Protein backbone atom coordinates (compact mmCIF):
# COMPACT_ATOMS: atom_id res chain seq x y z
CA UNK A 1 171.12 -87.50 89.04
CA UNK A 2 170.37 -86.70 85.39
CA UNK A 3 173.15 -87.13 82.89
CA UNK A 4 174.45 -83.87 81.49
CA UNK A 5 173.66 -83.40 77.80
CA UNK A 6 176.54 -83.01 75.39
CA UNK A 7 175.12 -79.67 74.22
CA UNK A 8 175.03 -78.00 77.65
CA UNK A 9 178.46 -76.36 77.30
CA UNK A 10 178.26 -75.31 73.66
CA UNK A 11 177.73 -71.80 72.31
CA UNK A 12 174.40 -71.19 70.57
CA UNK A 13 174.40 -71.88 66.86
CA UNK A 14 177.07 -74.58 66.95
CA UNK A 15 174.58 -77.30 65.99
CA UNK A 16 173.33 -75.26 63.02
CA UNK A 17 176.91 -74.59 61.91
CA UNK A 18 177.80 -78.28 62.16
CA UNK A 19 174.70 -79.28 60.16
CA UNK A 20 175.52 -76.70 57.48
CA UNK A 21 179.09 -78.00 57.30
CA UNK A 22 177.88 -81.59 56.98
CA UNK A 23 175.56 -80.57 54.14
CA UNK A 24 178.52 -78.90 52.41
CA UNK A 25 180.63 -81.99 53.15
CA UNK A 26 178.20 -84.17 51.21
CA UNK A 27 178.05 -81.55 48.46
CA UNK A 28 181.82 -81.38 48.04
CA UNK A 29 182.29 -85.14 48.57
CA UNK A 30 180.27 -86.01 45.48
CA UNK A 31 181.97 -83.29 43.49
CA UNK A 32 185.31 -84.81 44.47
CA UNK A 33 184.13 -88.26 43.50
CA UNK A 34 182.96 -87.13 40.07
CA UNK A 35 186.06 -85.04 39.36
CA UNK A 36 188.46 -87.69 40.61
CA UNK A 37 186.66 -90.32 38.55
CA UNK A 38 186.97 -88.16 35.45
CA UNK A 39 190.68 -87.60 36.12
CA UNK A 40 191.37 -91.26 36.89
CA UNK A 41 189.47 -92.49 33.82
CA UNK A 42 191.75 -90.38 31.62
CA UNK A 43 194.72 -92.27 33.05
CA UNK A 44 193.47 -95.83 33.59
CA UNK A 45 190.94 -95.94 30.76
CA UNK A 46 187.22 -95.55 30.46
CA UNK A 47 186.27 -99.20 30.49
CA UNK A 48 183.57 -100.21 32.93
CA UNK A 49 186.31 -101.84 34.99
CA UNK A 50 188.02 -98.49 35.54
CA UNK A 51 184.83 -96.87 36.81
CA UNK A 52 184.12 -99.94 38.96
CA UNK A 53 187.60 -99.73 40.48
CA UNK A 54 187.07 -96.10 41.47
CA UNK A 55 183.55 -96.70 42.78
CA UNK A 56 184.78 -99.69 44.81
CA UNK A 57 187.53 -97.58 46.36
CA UNK A 58 185.04 -94.86 47.28
CA UNK A 59 182.44 -97.16 48.81
CA UNK A 60 185.06 -99.32 50.54
CA UNK A 61 186.88 -96.26 51.88
CA UNK A 62 183.67 -94.73 53.20
CA UNK A 63 182.81 -97.98 54.95
CA UNK A 64 186.30 -98.42 56.37
CA UNK A 65 186.41 -94.83 57.63
CA UNK A 66 183.03 -95.23 59.29
CA UNK A 67 184.08 -98.52 60.88
CA UNK A 68 187.37 -97.12 62.21
CA UNK A 69 185.78 -93.97 63.58
CA UNK A 70 182.99 -96.01 65.17
CA UNK A 71 185.56 -98.07 67.07
CA UNK A 72 187.22 -95.07 68.74
CA UNK A 73 184.69 -92.24 68.76
CA UNK A 74 182.97 -93.16 72.02
CA UNK A 75 186.22 -92.47 73.88
CA UNK A 76 185.94 -88.75 73.14
CA UNK A 77 183.80 -87.05 75.77
CA UNK A 78 184.23 -83.36 74.94
CA UNK A 79 181.82 -82.09 72.25
CA UNK A 80 184.23 -79.45 70.99
CA UNK A 81 186.91 -82.13 70.59
CA UNK A 82 184.49 -83.94 68.26
CA UNK A 83 183.91 -80.77 66.25
CA UNK A 84 187.67 -80.16 66.05
CA UNK A 85 188.26 -83.74 64.89
CA UNK A 86 185.55 -83.34 62.26
CA UNK A 87 187.10 -80.05 61.12
CA UNK A 88 190.54 -81.61 60.98
CA UNK A 89 189.27 -84.46 58.79
CA UNK A 90 187.51 -82.02 56.45
CA UNK A 91 190.67 -79.91 56.25
CA UNK A 92 192.73 -83.01 55.45
CA UNK A 93 190.25 -83.96 52.70
CA UNK A 94 190.44 -80.45 51.23
CA UNK A 95 194.24 -80.34 51.25
CA UNK A 96 194.41 -83.80 49.73
CA UNK A 97 191.94 -82.71 47.03
CA UNK A 98 194.45 -80.05 46.00
CA UNK A 99 197.19 -82.70 45.76
CA UNK A 100 195.20 -85.22 43.70
CA UNK A 101 196.02 -83.63 40.31
CA UNK A 102 199.74 -83.73 41.18
CA UNK A 103 199.53 -87.34 42.34
CA UNK A 104 197.68 -88.36 39.20
CA UNK A 105 200.21 -86.58 37.00
CA UNK A 106 202.98 -88.52 38.74
CA UNK A 107 200.96 -91.75 38.39
CA UNK A 108 200.39 -91.44 34.63
CA UNK A 109 203.84 -92.67 33.43
CA UNK A 110 203.65 -95.66 35.78
CA UNK A 111 200.17 -96.50 34.53
CA UNK A 112 201.43 -96.35 30.92
CA UNK A 113 204.20 -98.81 31.75
CA UNK A 114 201.73 -101.10 33.53
CA UNK A 115 199.30 -100.97 30.65
CA UNK A 116 201.96 -101.79 28.08
CA UNK A 117 203.52 -104.52 30.21
CA UNK A 118 200.33 -106.17 31.44
CA UNK A 119 198.10 -105.67 28.42
CA UNK A 120 197.66 -109.41 27.94
CA UNK A 121 197.05 -110.07 31.64
CA UNK A 122 193.64 -108.55 32.22
CA UNK A 123 193.13 -109.62 35.85
CA UNK A 124 196.65 -108.72 36.98
CA UNK A 125 196.46 -105.33 35.26
CA UNK A 126 193.15 -104.45 36.90
CA UNK A 127 194.32 -105.70 40.30
CA UNK A 128 197.50 -103.61 40.17
CA UNK A 129 195.49 -100.62 38.92
CA UNK A 130 193.07 -101.10 41.81
CA UNK A 131 195.89 -101.18 44.38
CA UNK A 132 197.59 -98.07 43.02
CA UNK A 133 194.27 -96.21 42.78
CA UNK A 134 193.45 -97.24 46.35
CA UNK A 135 196.76 -95.82 47.53
CA UNK A 136 196.05 -92.52 45.77
CA UNK A 137 192.38 -92.14 46.78
CA UNK A 138 192.27 -94.16 50.01
CA UNK A 139 193.14 -91.49 52.57
CA UNK A 140 190.55 -88.87 51.63
CA UNK A 141 187.69 -91.33 51.25
CA UNK A 142 188.49 -93.00 54.57
CA UNK A 143 188.40 -89.54 56.16
CA UNK A 144 185.07 -88.86 54.44
CA UNK A 145 183.67 -92.08 55.87
CA UNK A 146 184.80 -91.16 59.39
CA UNK A 147 182.83 -87.92 59.47
CA UNK A 148 179.34 -89.42 59.96
CA UNK A 149 180.12 -91.41 63.13
CA UNK A 150 181.93 -88.40 64.58
CA UNK A 151 178.99 -86.09 63.97
CA UNK A 152 176.52 -88.71 65.18
CA UNK A 153 178.44 -88.85 68.45
CA UNK A 154 178.36 -85.06 68.62
CA UNK A 155 174.79 -84.51 67.48
CA UNK A 156 172.93 -87.40 69.17
CA UNK A 157 172.67 -86.32 72.79
CA UNK A 158 169.85 -88.65 73.79
CA UNK A 159 169.49 -92.25 72.65
CA UNK A 160 165.70 -91.90 72.56
CA UNK A 161 166.21 -89.63 69.53
CA UNK A 162 169.01 -91.64 67.91
CA UNK A 163 167.07 -92.50 64.76
CA UNK A 164 165.76 -88.97 64.26
CA UNK A 165 169.10 -87.25 64.75
CA UNK A 166 171.24 -89.79 62.87
CA UNK A 167 168.68 -89.82 60.06
CA UNK A 168 168.72 -86.03 59.93
CA UNK A 169 172.52 -86.02 59.65
CA UNK A 170 172.63 -88.73 57.01
CA UNK A 171 169.74 -87.19 55.07
CA UNK A 172 171.29 -83.73 55.09
CA UNK A 173 174.62 -85.13 53.90
CA UNK A 174 172.90 -87.17 51.19
CA UNK A 175 170.88 -84.19 49.96
CA UNK A 176 174.11 -82.21 49.80
CA UNK A 177 175.72 -85.07 47.85
CA UNK A 178 172.82 -85.20 45.40
CA UNK A 179 173.02 -81.45 44.86
CA UNK A 180 176.81 -81.69 44.41
CA UNK A 181 176.33 -84.43 41.85
CA UNK A 182 173.78 -82.33 40.01
CA UNK A 183 175.96 -79.22 40.00
CA UNK A 184 179.12 -81.06 38.96
CA UNK A 185 177.38 -83.26 36.43
CA UNK A 186 176.04 -80.28 34.50
């Protein structure tokens, strides 16, 4: 007996909608990264170390989110449950994006105290700054990282087309990210 495809019970157009959302996810994700970096640099300084801290948090969070989602995503059998989970993560990222300016405003006095108190201790200062920044930015970037495995599980119905479909998802998200970077950068 042939295995039922994941798309058999879905309304028409759902795949197109999911692809469009993933494109927009990449678009907004890079906009968030650029804006959050600009906001964080105003608080923690514009030294290369500050930018490296933020970039490390983003890349590490994306990897951690992807790893965590990859460990549990195969347990979800219903395709609409995958779409709902993806939507929930995107909603959480969007809500958190609205809170970031408030969190950074609350973080600024603490960062001033840290800077003044640890000015002579370069490594300790940057390590503490990294930990605090990771606490502030960790949740949304982990959620961002979890979206690709979830959509791969949803979109890849047949393992013979795994590379094509996963590549299409990743490529679409990356093109969206490049466009978001272009729009936000200028």
